Amino acid sequence: MDYQIEWTPTADREFYELVSFIADTWSDRIVSEFVDKAYKTINLLSTFPELGIQEPNEEGIRLLFIRKYTKIYYRIEGDRILILNVFDTRRDPDSKPF
């Protein structure tokens, strides 16, 4: 059974801001590679929803790394995966990502 992927407005905004930051800092090739990797990782969740690890202090929230410093926070809700946030730990490592 494939799960439907849905993004919260926060996750959508944070992803867009992260891609914009990468575009301002690095090449188009790096942006393309990051976006491809992000969507491939998220698409894996539709088939393997428990791929990410359980967030230790938050019941029902899981996280999965896109890259070394970039995490996807999500929750499984019935037959859907709700993407809560896409968080780059280099930006503000002490802030709460969701």
PDB file of N, CA and C in Angstrom:
ATOM      1  N   MET A   1       0.840  -1.184   0.000  1.00  0.00           N
ATOM      2  CA  MET A   1       0.000   0.000   0.000  1.00  0.00           C
ATOM      3  C   MET A   1       0.885   1.248   0.000  1.00  0.00           C
ATOM      4  N   ASP A   2       0.672   2.122  -0.953  1.00  0.00           N
ATOM      5  CA  ASP A   2       1.400   3.380  -0.980  1.00  0.00           C
ATOM      6  C   ASP A   2       0.625   4.438  -0.207  1.00  0.00           C
ATOM      7  N   TYR A   3       1.362   5.192   0.573  1.00  0.00           N
ATOM      8  CA  TYR A   3       0.796   6.268   1.370  1.00  0.00           C
ATOM      9  C   TYR A   3       0.827   7.562   0.563  1.00  0.00           C
ATOM     10  N   GLN A   4      -0.174   8.386   0.767  1.00  0.00           N
ATOM     11  CA  GLN A   4      -0.226   9.694   0.112  1.00  0.00           C
ATOM     12  C   GLN A   4       0.678  10.653   0.883  1.00  0.00           C
ATOM     13  N   ILE A   5       1.461  11.449   0.164  1.00  0.00           N
ATOM     14  CA  ILE A   5       2.356  12.430   0.781  1.00  0.00           C
ATOM     15  C   ILE A   5       1.660  13.792   0.778  1.00  0.00           C
ATOM     16  N   GLU A   6       1.614  14.428   1.937  1.00  0.00           N
ATOM     17  CA  GLU A   6       1.075  15.783   2.047  1.00  0.00           C
ATOM     18  C   GLU A   6       2.082  16.642   2.798  1.00  0.00           C
ATOM     19  N   TRP A   7       2.174  17.885   2.406  1.00  0.00           N
ATOM     20  CA  TRP A   7       3.098  18.841   3.028  1.00  0.00           C
ATOM     21  C   TRP A   7       2.311  19.857   3.837  1.00  0.00           C
ATOM     22  N   THR A   8       2.812  20.190   5.022  1.00  0.00           N
ATOM     23  CA  THR A   8       2.236  21.307   5.774  1.00  0.00           C
ATOM     24  C   THR A   8       2.737  22.599   5.129  1.00  0.00           C
ATOM     25  N   PRO A   9       2.036  23.702   5.367  1.00  0.00           N
ATOM     26  CA  PRO A   9       2.534  24.989   4.858  1.00  0.00           C
ATOM     27  C   PRO A   9       3.947  25.307   5.374  1.00  0.00           C
ATOM     28  N   THR A  10       4.236  24.941   6.620  1.00  0.00           N
ATOM     29  CA  THR A  10       5.571  25.165   7.183  1.00  0.00           C
ATOM     30  C   THR A  10       6.620  24.383   6.402  1.00  0.00           C
ATOM     31  N   ALA A  11       6.365  23.112   6.151  1.00  0.00           N
ATOM     32  CA  ALA A  11       7.320  22.280   5.413  1.00  0.00           C
ATOM     33  C   ALA A  11       7.534  22.818   4.003  1.00  0.00           C
ATOM     34  N   ASP A  12       6.461  23.213   3.359  1.00  0.00           N
ATOM     35  CA  ASP A  12       6.535  23.756   2.006  1.00  0.00           C
ATOM     36  C   ASP A  12       7.386  25.029   1.995  1.00  0.00           C
ATOM     37  N   ARG A  13       7.139  25.924   2.926  1.00  0.00           N
ATOM     38  CA  ARG A  13       7.880  27.191   3.015  1.00  0.00           C
ATOM     39  C   ARG A  13       9.363  26.936   3.323  1.00  0.00           C
ATOM     40  N   GLU A  14       9.637  26.072   4.303  1.00  0.00           N
ATOM     41  CA  GLU A  14      11.017  25.795   4.689  1.00  0.00           C
ATOM     42  C   GLU A  14      11.799  25.141   3.548  1.00  0.00           C
ATOM     43  N   PHE A  15      11.151  24.249   2.815  1.00  0.00           N
ATOM     44  CA  PHE A  15      11.813  23.613   1.681  1.00  0.00           C
ATOM     45  C   PHE A  15      12.156  24.653   0.618  1.00  0.00           C
ATOM     46  N   TYR A  16      11.196  25.508   0.310  1.00  0.00           N
ATOM     47  CA  TYR A  16      11.422  26.560  -0.686  1.00  0.00           C
ATOM     48  C   TYR A  16      12.576  27.470  -0.249  1.00  0.00           C
ATOM     49  N   GLU A  17      12.592  27.876   1.026  1.00  0.00           N
ATOM     50  CA  GLU A  17      13.658  28.747   1.533  1.00  0.00           C
ATOM     51  C   GLU A  17      15.014  28.050   1.477  1.00  0.00           C
ATOM     52  N   LEU A  18      15.043  26.770   1.790  1.00  0.00           N
ATOM     53  CA  LEU A  18      16.295  26.018   1.739  1.00  0.00           C
ATOM     54  C   LEU A  18      16.808  25.909   0.305  1.00  0.00           C
ATOM     55  N   VAL A  19      15.917  25.620  -0.629  1.00  0.00           N
ATOM     56  CA  VAL A  19      16.319  25.537  -2.039  1.00  0.00           C
ATOM     57  C   VAL A  19      16.804  26.907  -2.525  1.00  0.00           C
ATOM     58  N   SER A  20      16.144  27.974  -2.108  1.00  0.00           N
ATOM     59  CA  SER A  20      16.578  29.324  -2.483  1.00  0.00           C
ATOM     60  C   SER A  20      17.958  29.633  -1.925  1.00  0.00           C
ATOM     61  N   PHE A  21      18.195  29.240  -0.684  1.00  0.00           N
ATOM     62  CA  PHE A  21      19.506  29.442  -0.070  1.00  0.00           C
ATOM     63  C   PHE A  21      20.592  28.688  -0.842  1.00  0.00           C
ATOM     64  N   ILE A  22      20.305  27.448  -1.186  1.00  0.00           N
ATOM     65  CA  ILE A  22      21.278  26.642  -1.938  1.00  0.00           C
ATOM     66  C   ILE A  22      21.536  27.284  -3.306  1.00  0.00           C
ATOM     67  N   ALA A  23      20.480  27.781  -3.950  1.00  0.00           N
ATOM     68  CA  ALA A  23      20.622  28.415  -5.260  1.00  0.00           C
ATOM     69  C   ALA A  23      21.466  29.683  -5.178  1.00  0.00           C
ATOM     70  N   ASP A  24      21.332  30.427  -4.093  1.00  0.00           N
ATOM     71  CA  ASP A  24      22.117  31.654  -3.924  1.00  0.00           C
ATOM     72  C   ASP A  24      23.574  31.361  -3.598  1.00  0.00           C
ATOM     73  N   THR A  25      23.825  30.191  -3.029  1.00  0.00           N
ATOM     74  CA  THR A  25      25.162  29.873  -2.530  1.00  0.00           C
ATOM     75  C   THR A  25      25.959  28.981  -3.477  1.00  0.00           C
ATOM     76  N   TRP A  26      25.302  28.033  -4.116  1.00  0.00           N
ATOM     77  CA  TRP A  26      25.993  27.060  -4.953  1.00  0.00           C
ATOM     78  C   TRP A  26      25.440  27.063  -6.373  1.00  0.00           C
ATOM     79  N   SER A  27      25.872  26.114  -7.150  1.00  0.00           N
ATOM     80  CA  SER A  27      25.514  26.059  -8.570  1.00  0.00           C
ATOM     81  C   SER A  27      24.134  25.441  -8.794  1.00  0.00           C
ATOM     82  N   ASP A  28      23.643  25.615 -10.021  1.00  0.00           N
ATOM     83  CA  ASP A  28      22.363  25.009 -10.415  1.00  0.00           C
ATOM     84  C   ASP A  28      22.428  23.487 -10.312  1.00  0.00           C
ATOM     85  N   ARG A  29      23.596  22.930 -10.603  1.00  0.00           N
ATOM     86  CA  ARG A  29      23.758  21.471 -10.513  1.00  0.00           C
ATOM     87  C   ARG A  29      23.545  20.990  -9.076  1.00  0.00           C
ATOM     88  N   ILE A  30      24.089  21.715  -8.104  1.00  0.00           N
ATOM     89  CA  ILE A  30      23.928  21.346  -6.692  1.00  0.00           C
ATOM     90  C   ILE A  30      22.468  21.467  -6.282  1.00  0.00           C
ATOM     91  N   VAL A  31      21.812  22.515  -6.740  1.00  0.00           N
ATOM     92  CA  VAL A  31      20.377  22.686  -6.441  1.00  0.00           C
ATOM     93  C   VAL A  31      19.589  21.511  -6.998  1.00  0.00           C
ATOM     94  N   SER A  32      19.843  21.175  -8.240  1.00  0.00           N
ATOM     95  CA  SER A  32      19.134  20.071  -8.891  1.00  0.00           C
ATOM     96  C   SER A  32      19.375  18.747  -8.164  1.00  0.00           C
ATOM     97  N   GLU A  33      20.624  18.501  -7.787  1.00  0.00           N
ATOM     98  CA  GLU A  33      20.938  17.265  -7.056  1.00  0.00           C
ATOM     99  C   GLU A  33      20.213  17.223  -5.711  1.00  0.00           C
ATOM    100  N   PHE A  34      20.174  18.350  -5.012  1.00  0.00           N
ATOM    101  CA  PHE A  34      19.495  18.388  -3.719  1.00  0.00           C
ATOM    102  C   PHE A  34      17.997  18.135  -3.874  1.00  0.00           C
ATOM    103  N   VAL A  35      17.374  18.824  -4.804  1.00  0.00           N
ATOM    104  CA  VAL A  35      15.929  18.662  -5.018  1.00  0.00           C
ATOM    105  C   VAL A  35      15.612  17.226  -5.425  1.00  0.00           C
ATOM    106  N   ASP A  36      16.397  16.653  -6.332  1.00  0.00           N
ATOM    107  CA  ASP A  36      16.185  15.261  -6.742  1.00  0.00           C
ATOM    108  C   ASP A  36      16.304  14.316  -5.549  1.00  0.00           C
ATOM    109  N   LYS A  37      17.351  14.500  -4.752  1.00  0.00           N
ATOM    110  CA  LYS A  37      17.564  13.645  -3.571  1.00  0.00           C
ATOM    111  C   LYS A  37      16.408  13.798  -2.581  1.00  0.00           C
ATOM    112  N   ALA A  38      15.954  15.027  -2.374  1.00  0.00           N
ATOM    113  CA  ALA A  38      14.845  15.271  -1.437  1.00  0.00           C
ATOM    114  C   ALA A  38      13.580  14.549  -1.895  1.00  0.00           C
ATOM    115  N   TYR A  39      13.222  14.692  -3.165  1.00  0.00           N
ATOM    116  CA  TYR A  39      11.998  14.057  -3.649  1.00  0.00           C
ATOM    117  C   TYR A  39      12.114  12.538  -3.704  1.00  0.00           C
ATOM    118  N   LYS A  40      13.290  12.022  -4.025  1.00  0.00           N
ATOM    119  CA  LYS A  40      13.468  10.567  -4.001  1.00  0.00           C
ATOM    120  C   LYS A  40      13.312  10.035  -2.578  1.00  0.00           C
ATOM    121  N   THR A  41      13.865  10.753  -1.619  1.00  0.00           N
ATOM    122  CA  THR A  41      13.746  10.346  -0.214  1.00  0.00           C
ATOM    123  C   THR A  41      12.295  10.389   0.235  1.00  0.00           C
ATOM    124  N   ILE A  42      11.602  11.454  -0.098  1.00  0.00           N
ATOM    125  CA  ILE A  42      10.192  11.585   0.292  1.00  0.00           C
ATOM    126  C   ILE A  42       9.339  10.535  -0.403  1.00  0.00           C
ATOM    127  N   ASN A  43       9.617  10.259  -1.670  1.00  0.00           N
ATOM    128  CA  ASN A  43       8.857   9.225  -2.378  1.00  0.00           C
ATOM    129  C   ASN A  43       9.072   7.844  -1.777  1.00  0.00           C
ATOM    130  N   LEU A  44      10.253   7.584  -1.230  1.00  0.00           N
ATOM    131  CA  LEU A  44      10.484   6.311  -0.536  1.00  0.00           C
ATOM    132  C   LEU A  44       9.521   6.152   0.646  1.00  0.00           C
ATOM    133  N   LEU A  45       9.214   7.276   1.286  1.00  0.00           N
ATOM    134  CA  LEU A  45       8.298   7.215   2.433  1.00  0.00           C
ATOM    135  C   LEU A  45       6.904   6.728   2.035  1.00  0.00           C
ATOM    136  N   SER A  46       6.501   6.999   0.812  1.00  0.00           N
ATOM    137  CA  SER A  46       5.168   6.560   0.397  1.00  0.00           C
ATOM    138  C   SER A  46       5.061   5.034   0.398  1.00  0.00           C
ATOM    139  N   THR A  47       6.177   4.356   0.176  1.00  0.00           N
ATOM    140  CA  THR A  47       6.198   2.892   0.192  1.00  0.00           C
ATOM    141  C   THR A  47       6.673   2.330   1.523  1.00  0.00           C
ATOM    142  N   PHE A  48       7.608   3.027   2.147  1.00  0.00           N
ATOM    143  CA  PHE A  48       8.198   2.567   3.408  1.00  0.00           C
ATOM    144  C   PHE A  48       8.038   3.665   4.475  1.00  0.00           C
ATOM    145  N   PRO A  49       6.845   3.850   5.002  1.00  0.00           N
ATOM    146  CA  PRO A  49       6.583   4.977   5.909  1.00  0.00           C
ATOM    147  C   PRO A  49       7.373   4.941   7.218  1.00  0.00           C
ATOM    148  N   GLU A  50       7.814   3.791   7.620  1.00  0.00           N
ATOM    149  CA  GLU A  50       8.558   3.704   8.874  1.00  0.00           C
ATOM    150  C   GLU A  50      10.069   3.719   8.635  1.00  0.00           C
ATOM    151  N   LEU A  51      10.474   4.203   7.484  1.00  0.00           N
ATOM    152  CA  LEU A  51      11.887   4.290   7.137  1.00  0.00           C
ATOM    153  C   LEU A  51      12.645   5.212   8.093  1.00  0.00           C
ATOM    154  N   GLY A  52      12.029   6.304   8.478  1.00  0.00           N
ATOM    155  CA  GLY A  52      12.668   7.251   9.393  1.00  0.00           C
ATOM    156  C   GLY A  52      12.656   6.740  10.824  1.00  0.00           C
ATOM    157  N   ILE A  53      13.484   7.364  11.652  1.00  0.00           N
ATOM    158  CA  ILE A  53      13.546   6.968  13.062  1.00  0.00           C
ATOM    159  C   ILE A  53      12.576   7.793  13.888  1.00  0.00           C
ATOM    160  N   GLN A  54      12.105   7.204  14.961  1.00  0.00           N
ATOM    161  CA  GLN A  54      11.190   7.880  15.877  1.00  0.00           C
ATOM    162  C   GLN A  54      11.936   9.008  16.583  1.00  0.00           C
ATOM    163  N   GLU A  55      11.374  10.210  16.550  1.00  0.00           N
ATOM    164  CA  GLU A  55      11.946  11.341  17.280  1.00  0.00           C
ATOM    165  C   GLU A  55      11.809  11.033  18.770  1.00  0.00           C
ATOM    166  N   PRO A  56      12.906  11.027  19.524  1.00  0.00           N
ATOM    167  CA  PRO A  56      12.884  10.557  20.917  1.00  0.00           C
ATOM    168  C   PRO A  56      11.918  11.300  21.846  1.00  0.00           C
ATOM    169  N   ASN A  57      11.772  12.595  21.662  1.00  0.00           N
ATOM    170  CA  ASN A  57      10.964  13.375  22.610  1.00  0.00           C
ATOM    171  C   ASN A  57       9.603  13.772  22.079  1.00  0.00           C
ATOM    172  N   GLU A  58       9.221  13.268  20.918  1.00  0.00           N
ATOM    173  CA  GLU A  58       7.955  13.664  20.304  1.00  0.00           C
ATOM    174  C   GLU A  58       7.198  12.428  19.814  1.00  0.00           C
ATOM    175  N   GLU A  59       6.160  12.085  20.489  1.00  0.00           N
ATOM    176  CA  GLU A  59       5.331  10.928  20.147  1.00  0.00           C
ATOM    177  C   GLU A  59       4.786  11.040  18.727  1.00  0.00           C
ATOM    178  N   GLY A  60       5.016  10.031  17.919  1.00  0.00           N
ATOM    179  CA  GLY A  60       4.430   9.954  16.586  1.00  0.00           C
ATOM    180  C   GLY A  60       5.174  10.721  15.506  1.00  0.00           C
ATOM    181  N   ILE A  61       6.223  11.427  15.859  1.00  0.00           N
ATOM    182  CA  ILE A  61       6.989  12.179  14.860  1.00  0.00           C
ATOM    183  C   ILE A  61       8.256  11.404  14.540  1.00  0.00           C
ATOM    184  N   ARG A  62       8.508  11.270  13.243  1.00  0.00           N
ATOM    185  CA  ARG A  62       9.677  10.547  12.762  1.00  0.00           C
ATOM    186  C   ARG A  62      10.554  11.509  11.982  1.00  0.00           C
ATOM    187  N   LEU A  63      11.831  11.159  11.859  1.00  0.00           N
ATOM    188  CA  LEU A  63      12.733  11.983  11.055  1.00  0.00           C
ATOM    189  C   LEU A  63      13.559  11.109  10.143  1.00  0.00           C
ATOM    190  N   LEU A  64      13.912  11.693   9.029  1.00  0.00           N
ATOM    191  CA  LEU A  64      14.688  11.000   8.020  1.00  0.00           C
ATOM    192  C   LEU A  64      15.644  12.017   7.399  1.00  0.00           C
ATOM    193  N   PHE A  65      16.898  11.660   7.267  1.00  0.00           N
ATOM    194  CA  PHE A  65      17.883  12.561   6.686  1.00  0.00           C
ATOM    195  C   PHE A  65      17.811  12.543   5.163  1.00  0.00           C
ATOM    196  N   ILE A  66      17.835  13.739   4.578  1.00  0.00           N
ATOM    197  CA  ILE A  66      18.000  13.873   3.130  1.00  0.00           C
ATOM    198  C   ILE A  66      19.496  13.874   2.839  1.00  0.00           C
ATOM    199  N   ARG A  67      20.185  14.699   3.564  1.00  0.00           N
ATOM    200  CA  ARG A  67      21.645  14.814   3.515  1.00  0.00           C
ATOM    201  C   ARG A  67      22.134  14.954   4.945  1.00  0.00           C
ATOM    202  N   LYS A  68      23.418  15.079   5.108  1.00  0.00           N
ATOM    203  CA  LYS A  68      24.030  15.103   6.439  1.00  0.00           C
ATOM    204  C   LYS A  68      23.389  16.130   7.375  1.00  0.00           C
ATOM    205  N   TYR A  69      23.068  17.311   6.869  1.00  0.00           N
ATOM    206  CA  TYR A  69      22.537  18.379   7.714  1.00  0.00           C
ATOM    207  C   TYR A  69      21.064  18.678   7.484  1.00  0.00           C
ATOM    208  N   THR A  70      20.414  17.920   6.645  1.00  0.00           N
ATOM    209  CA  THR A  70      19.028  18.218   6.291  1.00  0.00           C
ATOM    210  C   THR A  70      18.127  17.044   6.656  1.00  0.00           C
ATOM    211  N   LYS A  71      17.105  17.351   7.458  1.00  0.00           N
ATOM    212  CA  LYS A  71      16.184  16.314   7.935  1.00  0.00           C
ATOM    213  C   LYS A  71      14.761  16.608   7.480  1.00  0.00           C
ATOM    214  N   ILE A  72      14.024  15.553   7.280  1.00  0.00           N
ATOM    215  CA  ILE A  72      12.587  15.644   7.051  1.00  0.00           C
ATOM    216  C   ILE A  72      11.913  15.157   8.329  1.00  0.00           C
ATOM    217  N   TYR A  73      11.019  15.956   8.867  1.00  0.00           N
ATOM    218  CA  TYR A  73      10.202  15.526  10.004  1.00  0.00           C
ATOM    219  C   TYR A  73       8.809  15.223   9.469  1.00  0.00           C
ATOM    220  N   TYR A  74       8.278  14.082   9.864  1.00  0.00           N
ATOM    221  CA  TYR A  74       6.971  13.684   9.340  1.00  0.00           C
ATOM    222  C   TYR A  74       6.203  12.852  10.362  1.00  0.00           C
ATOM    223  N   ARG A  75       4.932  12.687  10.073  1.00  0.00           N
ATOM    224  CA  ARG A  75       4.049  11.877  10.913  1.00  0.00           C
ATOM    225  C   ARG A  75       3.212  10.992   9.989  1.00  0.00           C
ATOM    226  N   ILE A  76       2.988   9.771  10.415  1.00  0.00           N
ATOM    227  CA  ILE A  76       2.113   8.848   9.688  1.00  0.00           C
ATOM    228  C   ILE A  76       0.704   9.037  10.249  1.00  0.00           C
ATOM    229  N   GLU A  77      -0.229   9.367   9.362  1.00  0.00           N
ATOM    230  CA  GLU A  77      -1.622   9.580   9.768  1.00  0.00           C
ATOM    231  C   GLU A  77      -2.526   8.750   8.867  1.00  0.00           C
ATOM    232  N   GLY A  78      -2.900   7.593   9.342  1.00  0.00           N
ATOM    233  CA  GLY A  78      -3.746   6.708   8.548  1.00  0.00           C
ATOM    234  C   GLY A  78      -3.021   6.263   7.299  1.00  0.00           C
ATOM    235  N   ASP A  79      -3.561   6.634   6.131  1.00  0.00           N
ATOM    236  CA  ASP A  79      -2.949   6.239   4.859  1.00  0.00           C
ATOM    237  C   ASP A  79      -2.170   7.382   4.211  1.00  0.00           C
ATOM    238  N   ARG A  80      -1.737   8.343   5.024  1.00  0.00           N
ATOM    239  CA  ARG A  80      -0.959   9.454   4.481  1.00  0.00           C
ATOM    240  C   ARG A  80       0.273   9.739   5.333  1.00  0.00           C
ATOM    241  N   ILE A  81       1.252  10.336   4.689  1.00  0.00           N
ATOM    242  CA  ILE A  81       2.460  10.820   5.347  1.00  0.00           C
ATOM    243  C   ILE A  81       2.358  12.336   5.335  1.00  0.00           C
ATOM    244  N   LEU A  82       2.382  12.934   6.502  1.00  0.00           N
ATOM    245  CA  LEU A  82       2.315  14.383   6.608  1.00  0.00           C
ATOM    246  C   LEU A  82       3.722  14.909   6.867  1.00  0.00           C
ATOM    247  N   ILE A  83       4.275  15.614   5.888  1.00  0.00           N
ATOM    248  CA  ILE A  83       5.601  16.224   6.027  1.00  0.00           C
ATOM    249  C   ILE A  83       5.426  17.474   6.886  1.00  0.00           C
ATOM    250  N   LEU A  84       6.039  17.462   8.066  1.00  0.00           N
ATOM    251  CA  LEU A  84       5.895  18.569   9.008  1.00  0.00           C
ATOM    252  C   LEU A  84       6.904  19.676   8.748  1.00  0.00           C
ATOM    253  N   ASN A  85       8.131  19.286   8.384  1.00  0.00           N
ATOM    254  CA  ASN A  85       9.163  20.279   8.146  1.00  0.00           C
ATOM    255  C   ASN A  85      10.340  19.653   7.419  1.00  0.00           C
ATOM    256  N   VAL A  86      11.054  20.491   6.714  1.00  0.00           N
ATOM    257  CA  VAL A  86      12.340  20.148   6.128  1.00  0.00           C
ATOM    258  C   VAL A  86      13.313  21.091   6.810  1.00  0.00           C
ATOM    259  N   PHE A  87      14.232  20.535   7.572  1.00  0.00           N
ATOM    260  CA  PHE A  87      15.024  21.338   8.503  1.00  0.00           C
ATOM    261  C   PHE A  87      16.511  21.178   8.237  1.00  0.00           C
ATOM    262  N   ASP A  88      17.195  22.296   8.041  1.00  0.00           N
ATOM    263  CA  ASP A  88      18.643  22.300   7.868  1.00  0.00           C
ATOM    264  C   ASP A  88      19.266  22.666   9.205  1.00  0.00           C
ATOM    265  N   THR A  89      19.973  21.745   9.811  1.00  0.00           N
ATOM    266  CA  THR A  89      20.501  21.949  11.165  1.00  0.00           C
ATOM    267  C   THR A  89      21.591  23.005  11.224  1.00  0.00           C
ATOM    268  N   ARG A  90      22.163  23.377  10.104  1.00  0.00           N
ATOM    269  CA  ARG A  90      23.199  24.416  10.102  1.00  0.00           C
ATOM    270  C   ARG A  90      22.603  25.805  10.296  1.00  0.00           C
ATOM    271  N   ARG A  91      21.347  25.973   9.973  1.00  0.00           N
ATOM    272  CA  ARG A  91      20.734  27.301  10.044  1.00  0.00           C
ATOM    273  C   ARG A  91      20.536  27.757  11.480  1.00  0.00           C
ATOM    274  N   ASP A  92      19.926  26.938  12.285  1.00  0.00           N
ATOM    275  CA  ASP A  92      19.683  27.282  13.684  1.00  0.00           C
ATOM    276  C   ASP A  92      19.501  25.977  14.456  1.00  0.00           C
ATOM    277  N   PRO A  93      20.612  25.342  14.841  1.00  0.00           N
ATOM    278  CA  PRO A  93      20.545  23.982  15.404  1.00  0.00           C
ATOM    279  C   PRO A  93      19.759  23.882  16.709  1.00  0.00           C
ATOM    280  N   ASP A  94      19.575  24.978  17.424  1.00  0.00           N
ATOM    281  CA  ASP A  94      18.863  24.915  18.693  1.00  0.00           C
ATOM    282  C   ASP A  94      17.373  25.204  18.575  1.00  0.00           C
ATOM    283  N   SER A  95      16.904  25.608  17.401  1.00  0.00           N
ATOM    284  CA  SER A  95      15.478  25.901  17.273  1.00  0.00           C
ATOM    285  C   SER A  95      14.689  24.616  17.127  1.00  0.00           C
ATOM    286  N   LYS A  96      13.426  24.672  17.491  1.00  0.00           N
ATOM    287  CA  LYS A  96      12.556  23.503  17.391  1.00  0.00           C
ATOM    288  C   LYS A  96      12.037  23.400  15.947  1.00  0.00           C
ATOM    289  N   PRO A  97      12.264  22.282  15.278  1.00  0.00           N
ATOM    290  CA  PRO A  97      11.953  22.175  13.859  1.00  0.00           C
ATOM    291  C   PRO A  97      10.475  21.931  13.524  1.00  0.00           C
ATOM    292  N   PHE A  98       9.632  21.707  14.512  1.00  0.00           N
ATOM    293  CA  PHE A  98       8.212  21.446  14.188  1.00  0.00           C
ATOM    294  C   PHE A  98       7.329  22.000  15.269  1.00  0.00           C
TER     295      PHE A  98
END
